[in-house]
């Protein structure tokens, strides 16, 4: 393990090598192995971006992510509208993983 950490191998590669180890193959789960590797990296002073990320979970109805997108030159069903730009409004309710999508003609606040 120490040599693998010194060579900078990824956690996924280390778990593959540990499972293929002929004398004592690793038979545990990925999460347990990754947690152990993360602790060893912290002790050795090696930090990864994954160590710095924090997952945010919310309560029912508390987190809503919204975004706008532009659709240009889309072949709409009516030929006279084929060269127009349409704007896509998307809203994602995180807890329920429900998505709402609507196409609009503009992105003004009144449309929102």
PDB file of N, CA and C in Angstrom:
ATOM      1  N   UNK A   1       0.830  -1.197   0.000  1.00  0.00           N
ATOM      2  CA  UNK A   1       0.000   0.000   0.000  1.00  0.00           C
ATOM      3  C   UNK A   1       0.866   1.248   0.000  1.00  0.00           C
ATOM      4  N   UNK A   2       1.927   1.256   0.783  1.00  0.00           N
ATOM      5  CA  UNK A   2       2.785   2.434   0.862  1.00  0.00           C
ATOM      6  C   UNK A   2       3.420   2.737  -0.484  1.00  0.00           C
ATOM      7  N   UNK A   3       3.833   1.690  -1.190  1.00  0.00           N
ATOM      8  CA  UNK A   3       4.450   1.892  -2.506  1.00  0.00           C
ATOM      9  C   UNK A   3       3.421   2.420  -3.504  1.00  0.00           C
ATOM     10  N   UNK A   4       2.216   1.924  -3.432  1.00  0.00           N
ATOM     11  CA  UNK A   4       1.162   2.380  -4.334  1.00  0.00           C
ATOM     12  C   UNK A   4       0.879   3.857  -4.113  1.00  0.00           C
ATOM     13  N   UNK A   5       0.827   4.254  -2.834  1.00  0.00           N
ATOM     14  CA  UNK A   5       0.598   5.665  -2.515  1.00  0.00           C
ATOM     15  C   UNK A   5       1.761   6.521  -2.998  1.00  0.00           C
ATOM     16  N   UNK A   6       2.987   6.019  -2.843  1.00  0.00           N
ATOM     17  CA  UNK A   6       4.165   6.774  -3.261  1.00  0.00           C
ATOM     18  C   UNK A   6       4.192   6.958  -4.786  1.00  0.00           C
ATOM     19  N   UNK A   7       3.679   5.985  -5.519  1.00  0.00           N
ATOM     20  CA  UNK A   7       3.643   6.076  -6.976  1.00  0.00           C
ATOM     21  C   UNK A   7       2.449   6.887  -7.470  1.00  0.00           C
ATOM     22  N   UNK A   8       1.557   7.278  -6.574  1.00  0.00           N
ATOM     23  CA  UNK A   8       0.416   8.113  -6.945  1.00  0.00           C
ATOM     24  C   UNK A   8      -0.688   7.378  -7.677  1.00  0.00           C
ATOM     25  N   UNK A   9      -0.837   6.087  -7.407  1.00  0.00           N
ATOM     26  CA  UNK A   9      -1.910   5.323  -8.052  1.00  0.00           C
ATOM     27  C   UNK A   9      -3.276   5.787  -7.560  1.00  0.00           C
ATOM     28  N   UNK A  10      -4.269   5.682  -8.411  1.00  0.00           N
ATOM     29  CA  UNK A  10      -5.627   6.053  -8.016  1.00  0.00           C
ATOM     30  C   UNK A  10      -6.195   4.980  -7.086  1.00  0.00           C
ATOM     31  N   UNK A  11      -7.199   5.344  -6.336  1.00  0.00           N
ATOM     32  CA  UNK A  11      -7.841   4.395  -5.426  1.00  0.00           C
ATOM     33  C   UNK A  11      -8.458   3.231  -6.181  1.00  0.00           C
ATOM     34  N   UNK A  12      -9.022   3.509  -7.357  1.00  0.00           N
ATOM     35  CA  UNK A  12      -9.629   2.446  -8.156  1.00  0.00           C
ATOM     36  C   UNK A  12      -8.579   1.431  -8.607  1.00  0.00           C
ATOM     37  N   UNK A  13      -7.406   1.914  -9.018  1.00  0.00           N
ATOM     38  CA  UNK A  13      -6.336   0.999  -9.431  1.00  0.00           C
ATOM     39  C   UNK A  13      -5.820   0.202  -8.234  1.00  0.00           C
ATOM     40  N   UNK A  14      -5.716   0.841  -7.073  1.00  0.00           N
ATOM     41  CA  UNK A  14      -5.245   0.141  -5.877  1.00  0.00           C
ATOM     42  C   UNK A  14      -6.183  -0.987  -5.467  1.00  0.00           C
ATOM     43  N   UNK A  15      -7.497  -0.763  -5.555  1.00  0.00           N
ATOM     44  CA  UNK A  15      -8.432  -1.821  -5.188  1.00  0.00           C
ATOM     45  C   UNK A  15      -8.350  -2.976  -6.186  1.00  0.00           C
ATOM     46  N   UNK A  16      -8.084  -2.678  -7.458  1.00  0.00           N
ATOM     47  CA  UNK A  16      -7.878  -3.750  -8.443  1.00  0.00           C
ATOM     48  C   UNK A  16      -6.655  -4.584  -8.090  1.00  0.00           C
ATOM     49  N   UNK A  17      -5.564  -3.904  -7.755  1.00  0.00           N
ATOM     50  CA  UNK A  17      -4.341  -4.618  -7.391  1.00  0.00           C
ATOM     51  C   UNK A  17      -4.520  -5.419  -6.106  1.00  0.00           C
ATOM     52  N   UNK A  18      -5.238  -4.848  -5.139  1.00  0.00           N
ATOM     53  CA  UNK A  18      -5.462  -5.558  -3.874  1.00  0.00           C
ATOM     54  C   UNK A  18      -6.313  -6.803  -4.083  1.00  0.00           C
ATOM     55  N   UNK A  19      -7.268  -6.743  -4.981  1.00  0.00           N
ATOM     56  CA  UNK A  19      -8.100  -7.925  -5.263  1.00  0.00           C
ATOM     57  C   UNK A  19      -7.319  -8.994  -6.030  1.00  0.00           C
ATOM     58  N   UNK A  20      -6.329  -8.577  -6.793  1.00  0.00           N
ATOM     59  CA  UNK A  20      -5.528  -9.524  -7.571  1.00  0.00           C
ATOM     60  C   UNK A  20      -4.304 -10.025  -6.810  1.00  0.00           C
ATOM     61  N   UNK A  21      -4.111  -9.561  -5.583  1.00  0.00           N
ATOM     62  CA  UNK A  21      -2.949  -9.973  -4.785  1.00  0.00           C
ATOM     63  C   UNK A  21      -3.034 -11.477  -4.514  1.00  0.00           C
ATOM     64  N   UNK A  22      -2.004 -12.262  -4.905  1.00  0.00           N
ATOM     65  CA  UNK A  22      -2.129 -13.722  -4.856  1.00  0.00           C
ATOM     66  C   UNK A  22      -2.214 -14.317  -3.450  1.00  0.00           C
ATOM     67  N   UNK A  23      -1.486 -13.784  -2.490  1.00  0.00           N
ATOM     68  CA  UNK A  23      -1.452 -14.390  -1.154  1.00  0.00           C
ATOM     69  C   UNK A  23      -2.708 -14.098  -0.340  1.00  0.00           C
ATOM     70  N   UNK A  24      -3.097 -12.851  -0.284  1.00  0.00           N
ATOM     71  CA  UNK A  24      -4.275 -12.437   0.490  1.00  0.00           C
ATOM     72  C   UNK A  24      -5.099 -11.452  -0.322  1.00  0.00           C
ATOM     73  N   UNK A  25      -5.933 -11.910  -1.243  1.00  0.00           N
ATOM     74  CA  UNK A  25      -6.718 -10.974  -2.061  1.00  0.00           C
ATOM     75  C   UNK A  25      -7.761 -10.245  -1.217  1.00  0.00           C
ATOM     76  N   UNK A  26      -7.931  -8.969  -1.518  1.00  0.00           N
ATOM     77  CA  UNK A  26      -8.925  -8.151  -0.819  1.00  0.00           C
ATOM     78  C   UNK A  26     -10.320  -8.571  -1.263  1.00  0.00           C
ATOM     79  N   UNK A  27     -11.214  -8.808  -0.299  1.00  0.00           N
ATOM     80  CA  UNK A  27     -12.564  -9.262  -0.615  1.00  0.00           C
ATOM     81  C   UNK A  27     -13.642  -8.314  -0.104  1.00  0.00           C
ATOM     82  N   UNK A  28     -13.234  -7.166   0.431  1.00  0.00           N
ATOM     83  CA  UNK A  28     -14.204  -6.218   0.970  1.00  0.00           C
ATOM     84  C   UNK A  28     -14.806  -5.330  -0.102  1.00  0.00           C
ATOM     85  N   UNK A  29     -15.579  -4.346   0.347  1.00  0.00           N
ATOM     86  CA  UNK A  29     -16.261  -3.423  -0.556  1.00  0.00           C
ATOM     87  C   UNK A  29     -15.390  -2.253  -0.965  1.00  0.00           C
ATOM     88  N   UNK A  30     -15.775  -1.619  -2.047  1.00  0.00           N
ATOM     89  CA  UNK A  30     -15.027  -0.468  -2.562  1.00  0.00           C
ATOM     90  C   UNK A  30     -15.027   0.700  -1.588  1.00  0.00           C
ATOM     91  N   UNK A  31     -16.173   0.994  -0.996  1.00  0.00           N
ATOM     92  CA  UNK A  31     -16.281   2.152  -0.109  1.00  0.00           C
ATOM     93  C   UNK A  31     -15.340   2.020   1.082  1.00  0.00           C
ATOM     94  N   UNK A  32     -15.278   0.844   1.662  1.00  0.00           N
ATOM     95  CA  UNK A  32     -14.390   0.615   2.795  1.00  0.00           C
ATOM     96  C   UNK A  32     -12.936   0.816   2.386  1.00  0.00           C
ATOM     97  N   UNK A  33     -12.579   0.289   1.243  1.00  0.00           N
ATOM     98  CA  UNK A  33     -11.205   0.421   0.758  1.00  0.00           C
ATOM     99  C   UNK A  33     -10.872   1.874   0.471  1.00  0.00           C
ATOM    100  N   UNK A  34     -11.773   2.587  -0.213  1.00  0.00           N
ATOM    101  CA  UNK A  34     -11.529   3.990  -0.553  1.00  0.00           C
ATOM    102  C   UNK A  34     -11.405   4.856   0.701  1.00  0.00           C
ATOM    103  N   UNK A  35     -12.201   4.573   1.718  1.00  0.00           N
ATOM    104  CA  UNK A  35     -12.108   5.320   2.972  1.00  0.00           C
ATOM    105  C   UNK A  35     -10.757   5.102   3.628  1.00  0.00           C
ATOM    106  N   UNK A  36     -10.289   3.863   3.616  1.00  0.00           N
ATOM    107  CA  UNK A  36      -8.977   3.551   4.187  1.00  0.00           C
ATOM    108  C   UNK A  36      -7.867   4.275   3.433  1.00  0.00           C
ATOM    109  N   UNK A  37      -7.916   4.250   2.108  1.00  0.00           N
ATOM    110  CA  UNK A  37      -6.905   4.926   1.292  1.00  0.00           C
ATOM    111  C   UNK A  37      -6.933   6.431   1.548  1.00  0.00           C
ATOM    112  N   UNK A  38      -8.121   6.998   1.653  1.00  0.00           N
ATOM    113  CA  UNK A  38      -8.246   8.442   1.919  1.00  0.00           C
ATOM    114  C   UNK A  38      -7.570   8.804   3.242  1.00  0.00           C
ATOM    115  N   UNK A  39      -7.784   7.980   4.265  1.00  0.00           N
ATOM    116  CA  UNK A  39      -7.144   8.248   5.566  1.00  0.00           C
ATOM    117  C   UNK A  39      -5.632   8.149   5.462  1.00  0.00           C
ATOM    118  N   UNK A  40      -5.151   7.164   4.738  1.00  0.00           N
ATOM    119  CA  UNK A  40      -3.698   7.004   4.571  1.00  0.00           C
ATOM    120  C   UNK A  40      -3.110   8.191   3.823  1.00  0.00           C
ATOM    121  N   UNK A  41      -3.815   8.690   2.829  1.00  0.00           N
ATOM    122  CA  UNK A  41      -3.315   9.852   2.087  1.00  0.00           C
ATOM    123  C   UNK A  41      -3.261  11.084   2.975  1.00  0.00           C
ATOM    124  N   UNK A  42      -4.257  11.248   3.802  1.00  0.00           N
ATOM    125  CA  UNK A  42      -4.259  12.398   4.725  1.00  0.00           C
ATOM    126  C   UNK A  42      -3.094  12.322   5.695  1.00  0.00           C
ATOM    127  N   UNK A  43      -2.796  11.147   6.177  1.00  0.00           N
ATOM    128  CA  UNK A  43      -1.676  10.975   7.100  1.00  0.00           C
ATOM    129  C   UNK A  43      -0.352  11.278   6.422  1.00  0.00           C
ATOM    130  N   UNK A  44      -0.262  10.950   5.130  1.00  0.00           N
ATOM    131  CA  UNK A  44       0.974  11.184   4.389  1.00  0.00           C
ATOM    132  C   UNK A  44       1.076  12.578   3.816  1.00  0.00           C
ATOM    133  N   UNK A  45       0.063  13.386   4.027  1.00  0.00           N
ATOM    134  CA  UNK A  45       0.085  14.748   3.519  1.00  0.00           C
ATOM    135  C   UNK A  45      -0.407  14.885   2.092  1.00  0.00           C
ATOM    136  N   UNK A  46      -0.895  13.807   1.498  1.00  0.00           N
ATOM    137  CA  UNK A  46      -1.413  13.876   0.135  1.00  0.00           C
ATOM    138  C   UNK A  46      -2.915  14.088   0.177  1.00  0.00           C
ATOM    139  N   UNK A  47      -3.353  15.175  -0.409  1.00  0.00           N
ATOM    140  CA  UNK A  47      -4.775  15.488  -0.458  1.00  0.00           C
ATOM    141  C   UNK A  47      -5.255  15.381  -1.888  1.00  0.00           C
ATOM    142  N   UNK A  48      -6.466  14.959  -2.058  1.00  0.00           N
ATOM    143  CA  UNK A  48      -7.068  14.928  -3.384  1.00  0.00           C
ATOM    144  C   UNK A  48      -8.260  15.870  -3.388  1.00  0.00           C
ATOM    145  N   UNK A  49      -8.750  16.198  -4.568  1.00  0.00           N
ATOM    146  CA  UNK A  49      -9.925  17.052  -4.681  1.00  0.00           C
ATOM    147  C   UNK A  49     -11.133  16.398  -4.020  1.00  0.00           C
ATOM    148  N   UNK A  50     -11.213  15.071  -4.113  1.00  0.00           N
ATOM    149  CA  UNK A  50     -12.331  14.358  -3.514  1.00  0.00           C
ATOM    150  C   UNK A  50     -12.380  14.552  -1.993  1.00  0.00           C
ATOM    151  N   UNK A  51     -11.231  14.686  -1.356  1.00  0.00           N
ATOM    152  CA  UNK A  51     -11.187  14.919   0.086  1.00  0.00           C
ATOM    153  C   UNK A  51     -11.790  16.271   0.455  1.00  0.00           C
ATOM    154  N   UNK A  52     -11.755  17.221  -0.469  1.00  0.00           N
ATOM    155  CA  UNK A  52     -12.222  18.568  -0.174  1.00  0.00           C
ATOM    156  C   UNK A  52     -13.689  18.792  -0.509  1.00  0.00           C
ATOM    157  N   UNK A  53     -14.313  17.860  -1.212  1.00  0.00           N
ATOM    158  CA  UNK A  53     -15.701  18.054  -1.597  1.00  0.00           C
ATOM    159  C   UNK A  53     -16.641  17.655  -0.472  1.00  0.00           C
ATOM    160  N   UNK A  54     -17.763  18.349  -0.408  1.00  0.00           N
ATOM    161  CA  UNK A  54     -18.780  18.074   0.595  1.00  0.00           C
ATOM    162  C   UNK A  54     -20.102  17.891  -0.124  1.00  0.00           C
ATOM    163  N   UNK A  55     -20.764  16.792   0.123  1.00  0.00           N
ATOM    164  CA  UNK A  55     -22.064  16.545  -0.497  1.00  0.00           C
ATOM    165  C   UNK A  55     -23.127  17.265   0.322  1.00  0.00           C
ATOM    166  N   UNK A  56     -23.993  18.002  -0.363  1.00  0.00           N
ATOM    167  CA  UNK A  56     -25.034  18.769   0.303  1.00  0.00           C
ATOM    168  C   UNK A  56     -26.375  18.086   0.034  1.00  0.00           C
ATOM    169  N   UNK A  57     -27.016  17.673   1.080  1.00  0.00           N
ATOM    170  CA  UNK A  57     -28.349  17.082   0.973  1.00  0.00           C
ATOM    171  C   UNK A  57     -29.322  18.016   1.677  1.00  0.00           C
ATOM    172  N   UNK A  58     -30.482  18.155   1.111  1.00  0.00           N
ATOM    173  CA  UNK A  58     -31.453  19.070   1.687  1.00  0.00           C
ATOM    174  C   UNK A  58     -32.725  18.383   2.108  1.00  0.00           C
ATOM    175  N   UNK A  59     -33.552  19.138   2.747  1.00  0.00           N
ATOM    176  CA  UNK A  59     -34.856  18.639   3.165  1.00  0.00           C
ATOM    177  C   UNK A  59     -35.835  18.758   2.008  1.00  0.00           C
ATOM    178  N   UNK A  60     -36.992  18.178   2.169  1.00  0.00           N
ATOM    179  CA  UNK A  60     -38.007  18.214   1.116  1.00  0.00           C
ATOM    180  C   UNK A  60     -38.286  19.641   0.659  1.00  0.00           C
ATOM    181  N   UNK A  61     -38.176  19.871  -0.635  1.00  0.00           N
ATOM    182  CA  UNK A  61     -38.531  21.158  -1.208  1.00  0.00           C
ATOM    183  C   UNK A  61     -37.594  22.302  -0.903  1.00  0.00           C
ATOM    184  N   UNK A  62     -36.413  22.056  -0.382  1.00  0.00           N
ATOM    185  CA  UNK A  62     -35.516  23.142   0.001  1.00  0.00           C
ATOM    186  C   UNK A  62     -34.490  23.506  -1.060  1.00  0.00           C
ATOM    187  N   UNK A  63     -34.183  22.615  -1.991  1.00  0.00           N
ATOM    188  CA  UNK A  63     -33.186  22.905  -3.007  1.00  0.00           C
ATOM    189  C   UNK A  63     -33.789  22.744  -4.391  1.00  0.00           C
ATOM    190  N   UNK A  64     -33.698  23.804  -5.173  1.00  0.00           N
ATOM    191  CA  UNK A  64     -34.176  23.801  -6.545  1.00  0.00           C
ATOM    192  C   UNK A  64     -33.074  24.419  -7.401  1.00  0.00           C
ATOM    193  N   UNK A  65     -32.611  23.685  -8.388  1.00  0.00           N
ATOM    194  CA  UNK A  65     -31.598  24.197  -9.299  1.00  0.00           C
ATOM    195  C   UNK A  65     -32.274  24.553 -10.606  1.00  0.00           C
ATOM    196  N   UNK A  66     -32.019  25.773 -11.083  1.00  0.00           N
ATOM    197  CA  UNK A  66     -32.617  26.209 -12.349  1.00  0.00           C
ATOM    198  C   UNK A  66     -31.514  26.658 -13.302  1.00  0.00           C
ATOM    199  N   UNK A  67     -31.809  26.556 -14.596  1.00  0.00           N
ATOM    200  CA  UNK A  67     -30.836  26.956 -15.594  1.00  0.00           C
ATOM    201  C   UNK A  67     -31.541  27.269 -16.903  1.00  0.00           C
ATOM    202  N   UNK A  68     -30.920  28.110 -17.704  1.00  0.00           N
ATOM    203  CA  UNK A  68     -31.404  28.442 -19.033  1.00  0.00           C
ATOM    204  C   UNK A  68     -30.418  27.910 -20.054  1.00  0.00           C
ATOM    205  N   UNK A  69     -30.920  27.532 -21.220  1.00  0.00           N
ATOM    206  CA  UNK A  69     -30.073  27.105 -22.328  1.00  0.00           C
ATOM    207  C   UNK A  69     -30.656  27.633 -23.626  1.00  0.00           C
ATOM    208  N   UNK A  70     -29.830  27.751 -24.653  1.00  0.00           N
ATOM    209  CA  UNK A  70     -30.270  28.246 -25.951  1.00  0.00           C
ATOM    210  C   UNK A  70     -30.225  27.115 -26.967  1.00  0.00           C
ATOM    211  N   UNK A  71     -31.268  27.030 -27.795  1.00  0.00           N
ATOM    212  CA  UNK A  71     -31.335  26.044 -28.867  1.00  0.00           C
ATOM    213  C   UNK A  71     -31.425  26.828 -30.171  1.00  0.00           C
ATOM    214  N   UNK A  72     -30.390  26.718 -30.980  1.00  0.00           N
ATOM    215  CA  UNK A  72     -30.334  27.459 -32.241  1.00  0.00           C
ATOM    216  C   UNK A  72     -30.457  26.499 -33.417  1.00  0.00           C
ATOM    217  N   UNK A  73     -31.123  26.947 -34.461  1.00  0.00           N
ATOM    218  CA  UNK A  73     -31.276  26.165 -35.708  1.00  0.00           C
ATOM    219  C   UNK A  73     -31.827  24.772 -35.454  1.00  0.00           C
ATOM    220  N   UNK A  74     -32.783  24.665 -34.574  1.00  0.00           N
ATOM    221  CA  UNK A  74     -33.417  23.376 -34.291  1.00  0.00           C
ATOM    222  C   UNK A  74     -34.556  23.155 -35.290  1.00  0.00           C
ATOM    223  N   UNK A  75     -34.652  22.001 -35.884  1.00  0.00           N
ATOM    224  CA  UNK A  75     -35.713  21.771 -36.881  1.00  0.00           C
ATOM    225  C   UNK A  75     -37.084  21.605 -36.222  1.00  0.00           C
ATOM    226  N   UNK A  76     -37.732  22.731 -35.945  1.00  0.00           N
ATOM    227  CA  UNK A  76     -39.063  22.699 -35.352  1.00  0.00           C
ATOM    228  C   UNK A  76     -40.071  22.160 -36.363  1.00  0.00           C
ATOM    229  N   UNK A  77     -41.231  21.810 -35.905  1.00  0.00           N
ATOM    230  CA  UNK A  77     -42.236  21.214 -36.781  1.00  0.00           C
ATOM    231  C   UNK A  77     -42.771  22.203 -37.823  1.00  0.00           C
ATOM    232  N   UNK A  78     -42.707  23.494 -37.535  1.00  0.00           N
ATOM    233  CA  UNK A  78     -43.172  24.493 -38.492  1.00  0.00           C
ATOM    234  C   UNK A  78     -41.961  25.143 -39.159  1.00  0.00           C
ATOM    235  N   UNK A  79     -41.923  25.120 -40.477  1.00  0.00           N
ATOM    236  CA  UNK A  79     -40.750  25.581 -41.232  1.00  0.00           C
ATOM    237  C   UNK A  79     -40.398  27.038 -40.950  1.00  0.00           C
ATOM    238  N   UNK A  80     -41.406  27.886 -40.737  1.00  0.00           N
ATOM    239  CA  UNK A  80     -41.118  29.313 -40.521  1.00  0.00           C
ATOM    240  C   UNK A  80     -40.401  29.584 -39.192  1.00  0.00           C
ATOM    241  N   UNK A  81     -40.414  28.625 -38.273  1.00  0.00           N
ATOM    242  CA  UNK A  81     -39.748  28.790 -36.982  1.00  0.00           C
ATOM    243  C   UNK A  81     -38.395  28.084 -36.920  1.00  0.00           C
ATOM    244  N   UNK A  82     -37.954  27.465 -38.020  1.00  0.00           N
ATOM    245  CA  UNK A  82     -36.734  26.653 -37.980  1.00  0.00           C
ATOM    246  C   UNK A  82     -35.465  27.473 -37.754  1.00  0.00           C
ATOM    247  N   UNK A  83     -35.432  28.727 -38.153  1.00  0.00           N
ATOM    248  CA  UNK A  83     -34.229  29.546 -37.975  1.00  0.00           C
ATOM    249  C   UNK A  83     -34.247  30.342 -36.676  1.00  0.00           C
ATOM    250  N   UNK A  84     -35.320  30.270 -35.911  1.00  0.00           N
ATOM    251  CA  UNK A  84     -35.419  31.025 -34.666  1.00  0.00           C
ATOM    252  C   UNK A  84     -34.642  30.339 -33.539  1.00  0.00           C
ATOM    253  N   UNK A  85     -34.236  31.147 -32.591  1.00  0.00           N
ATOM    254  CA  UNK A  85     -33.580  30.625 -31.395  1.00  0.00           C
ATOM    255  C   UNK A  85     -34.636  30.436 -30.314  1.00  0.00           C
ATOM    256  N   UNK A  86     -34.668  29.279 -29.728  1.00  0.00           N
ATOM    257  CA  UNK A  86     -35.565  28.994 -28.608  1.00  0.00           C
ATOM    258  C   UNK A  86     -34.714  28.834 -27.362  1.00  0.00           C
ATOM    259  N   UNK A  87     -35.289  29.189 -26.245  1.00  0.00           N
ATOM    260  CA  UNK A  87     -34.587  29.106 -24.976  1.00  0.00           C
ATOM    261  C   UNK A  87     -35.237  28.030 -24.119  1.00  0.00           C
ATOM    262  N   UNK A  88     -34.417  27.234 -23.519  1.00  0.00           N
ATOM    263  CA  UNK A  88     -34.883  26.108 -22.716  1.00  0.00           C
ATOM    264  C   UNK A  88     -34.712  26.462 -21.244  1.00  0.00           C
ATOM    265  N   UNK A  89     -35.793  26.424 -20.518  1.00  0.00           N
ATOM    266  CA  UNK A  89     -35.755  26.626 -19.069  1.00  0.00           C
ATOM    267  C   UNK A  89     -35.863  25.259 -18.414  1.00  0.00           C
ATOM    268  N   UNK A  90     -34.935  24.941 -17.509  1.00  0.00           N
ATOM    269  CA  UNK A  90     -34.964  23.661 -16.808  1.00  0.00           C
ATOM    270  C   UNK A  90     -34.889  23.909 -15.311  1.00  0.00           C
ATOM    271  N   UNK A  91     -35.733  23.227 -14.570  1.00  0.00           N
ATOM    272  CA  UNK A  91     -35.736  23.293 -13.106  1.00  0.00           C
ATOM    273  C   UNK A  91     -35.665  21.875 -12.573  1.00  0.00           C
ATOM    274  N   UNK A  92     -34.768  21.655 -11.607  1.00  0.00           N
ATOM    275  CA  UNK A  92     -34.546  20.323 -11.054  1.00  0.00           C
ATOM    276  C   UNK A  92     -34.734  20.383  -9.547  1.00  0.00           C
ATOM    277  N   UNK A  93     -35.734  19.693  -9.029  1.00  0.00           N
ATOM    278  CA  UNK A  93     -35.972  19.602  -7.595  1.00  0.00           C
ATOM    279  C   UNK A  93     -35.086  18.485  -7.069  1.00  0.00           C
ATOM    280  N   UNK A  94     -34.048  18.844  -6.343  1.00  0.00           N
ATOM    281  CA  UNK A  94     -32.988  17.913  -5.995  1.00  0.00           C
ATOM    282  C   UNK A  94     -33.470  16.710  -5.198  1.00  0.00           C
ATOM    283  N   UNK A  95     -34.270  16.929  -4.177  1.00  0.00           N
ATOM    284  CA  UNK A  95     -34.638  15.831  -3.293  1.00  0.00           C
ATOM    285  C   UNK A  95     -35.444  14.771  -4.032  1.00  0.00           C
ATOM    286  N   UNK A  96     -36.374  15.201  -4.862  1.00  0.00           N
ATOM    287  CA  UNK A  96     -37.253  14.259  -5.557  1.00  0.00           C
ATOM    288  C   UNK A  96     -36.713  13.846  -6.918  1.00  0.00           C
ATOM    289  N   UNK A  97     -35.659  14.552  -7.353  1.00  0.00           N
ATOM    290  CA  UNK A  97     -35.074  14.314  -8.670  1.00  0.00           C
ATOM    291  C   UNK A  97     -36.113  14.496  -9.782  1.00  0.00           C
ATOM    292  N   UNK A  98     -36.997  15.444  -9.568  1.00  0.00           N
ATOM    293  CA  UNK A  98     -38.018  15.775 -10.562  1.00  0.00           C
ATOM    294  C   UNK A  98     -37.486  16.901 -11.444  1.00  0.00           C
ATOM    295  N   UNK A  99     -37.717  16.796 -12.739  1.00  0.00           N
ATOM    296  CA  UNK A  99     -37.218  17.789 -13.687  1.00  0.00           C
ATOM    297  C   UNK A  99     -38.384  18.386 -14.468  1.00  0.00           C
ATOM    298  N   UNK A 100     -38.364  19.706 -14.608  1.00  0.00           N
ATOM    299  CA  UNK A 100     -39.341  20.419 -15.411  1.00  0.00           C
ATOM    300  C   UNK A 100     -38.582  21.142 -16.513  1.00  0.00           C
ATOM    301  N   UNK A 101     -39.001  20.967 -17.755  1.00  0.00           N
ATOM    302  CA  UNK A 101     -38.348  21.616 -18.896  1.00  0.00           C
ATOM    303  C   UNK A 101     -39.420  22.330 -19.717  1.00  0.00           C
ATOM    304  N   UNK A 102     -39.111  23.566 -20.133  1.00  0.00           N
ATOM    305  CA  UNK A 102     -40.047  24.351 -20.923  1.00  0.00           C
ATOM    306  C   UNK A 102     -39.261  25.169 -21.950  1.00  0.00           C
ATOM    307  N   UNK A 103     -39.742  25.227 -23.198  1.00  0.00           N
ATOM    308  CA  UNK A 103     -39.128  26.041 -24.231  1.00  0.00           C
ATOM    309  C   UNK A 103     -39.850  27.375 -24.296  1.00  0.00           C
ATOM    310  N   UNK A 104     -39.067  28.466 -24.365  1.00  0.00           N
ATOM    311  CA  UNK A 104     -39.609  29.814 -24.375  1.00  0.00           C
ATOM    312  C   UNK A 104     -38.993  30.597 -25.532  1.00  0.00           C
ATOM    313  N   UNK A 105     -39.567  31.784 -25.820  1.00  0.00           N
ATOM    314  CA  UNK A 105     -39.055  32.634 -26.890  1.00  0.00           C
ATOM    315  C   UNK A 105     -38.022  33.624 -26.404  1.00  0.00           C
ATOM    316  N   UNK A 106     -37.925  33.837 -25.088  1.00  0.00           N
ATOM    317  CA  UNK A 106     -36.939  34.758 -24.531  1.00  0.00           C
ATOM    318  C   UNK A 106     -36.577  34.310 -23.123  1.00  0.00           C
ATOM    319  N   UNK A 107     -35.574  34.998 -22.527  1.00  0.00           N
ATOM    320  CA  UNK A 107     -35.142  34.672 -21.167  1.00  0.00           C
ATOM    321  C   UNK A 107     -35.361  35.855 -20.220  1.00  0.00           C
ATOM    322  N   UNK A 108     -36.398  36.611 -20.450  1.00  0.00           N
ATOM    323  CA  UNK A 108     -36.671  37.766 -19.584  1.00  0.00           C
ATOM    324  C   UNK A 108     -37.190  37.302 -18.223  1.00  0.00           C
ATOM    325  N   UNK A 109     -37.081  38.172 -17.268  1.00  0.00           N
ATOM    326  CA  UNK A 109     -37.555  37.855 -15.922  1.00  0.00           C
ATOM    327  C   UNK A 109     -39.057  37.623 -15.896  1.00  0.00           C
ATOM    328  N   UNK A 110     -39.793  38.346 -16.726  1.00  0.00           N
ATOM    329  CA  UNK A 110     -41.232  38.166 -16.784  1.00  0.00           C
ATOM    330  C   UNK A 110     -41.587  36.757 -17.261  1.00  0.00           C
ATOM    331  N   UNK A 111     -40.804  36.219 -18.174  1.00  0.00           N
ATOM    332  CA  UNK A 111     -41.033  34.863 -18.663  1.00  0.00           C
ATOM    333  C   UNK A 111     -40.782  33.847 -17.561  1.00  0.00           C
ATOM    334  N   UNK A 112     -39.765  34.099 -16.770  1.00  0.00           N
ATOM    335  CA  UNK A 112     -39.451  33.196 -15.651  1.00  0.00           C
ATOM    336  C   UNK A 112     -40.591  33.167 -14.659  1.00  0.00           C
TER     337      UNK A 112
END
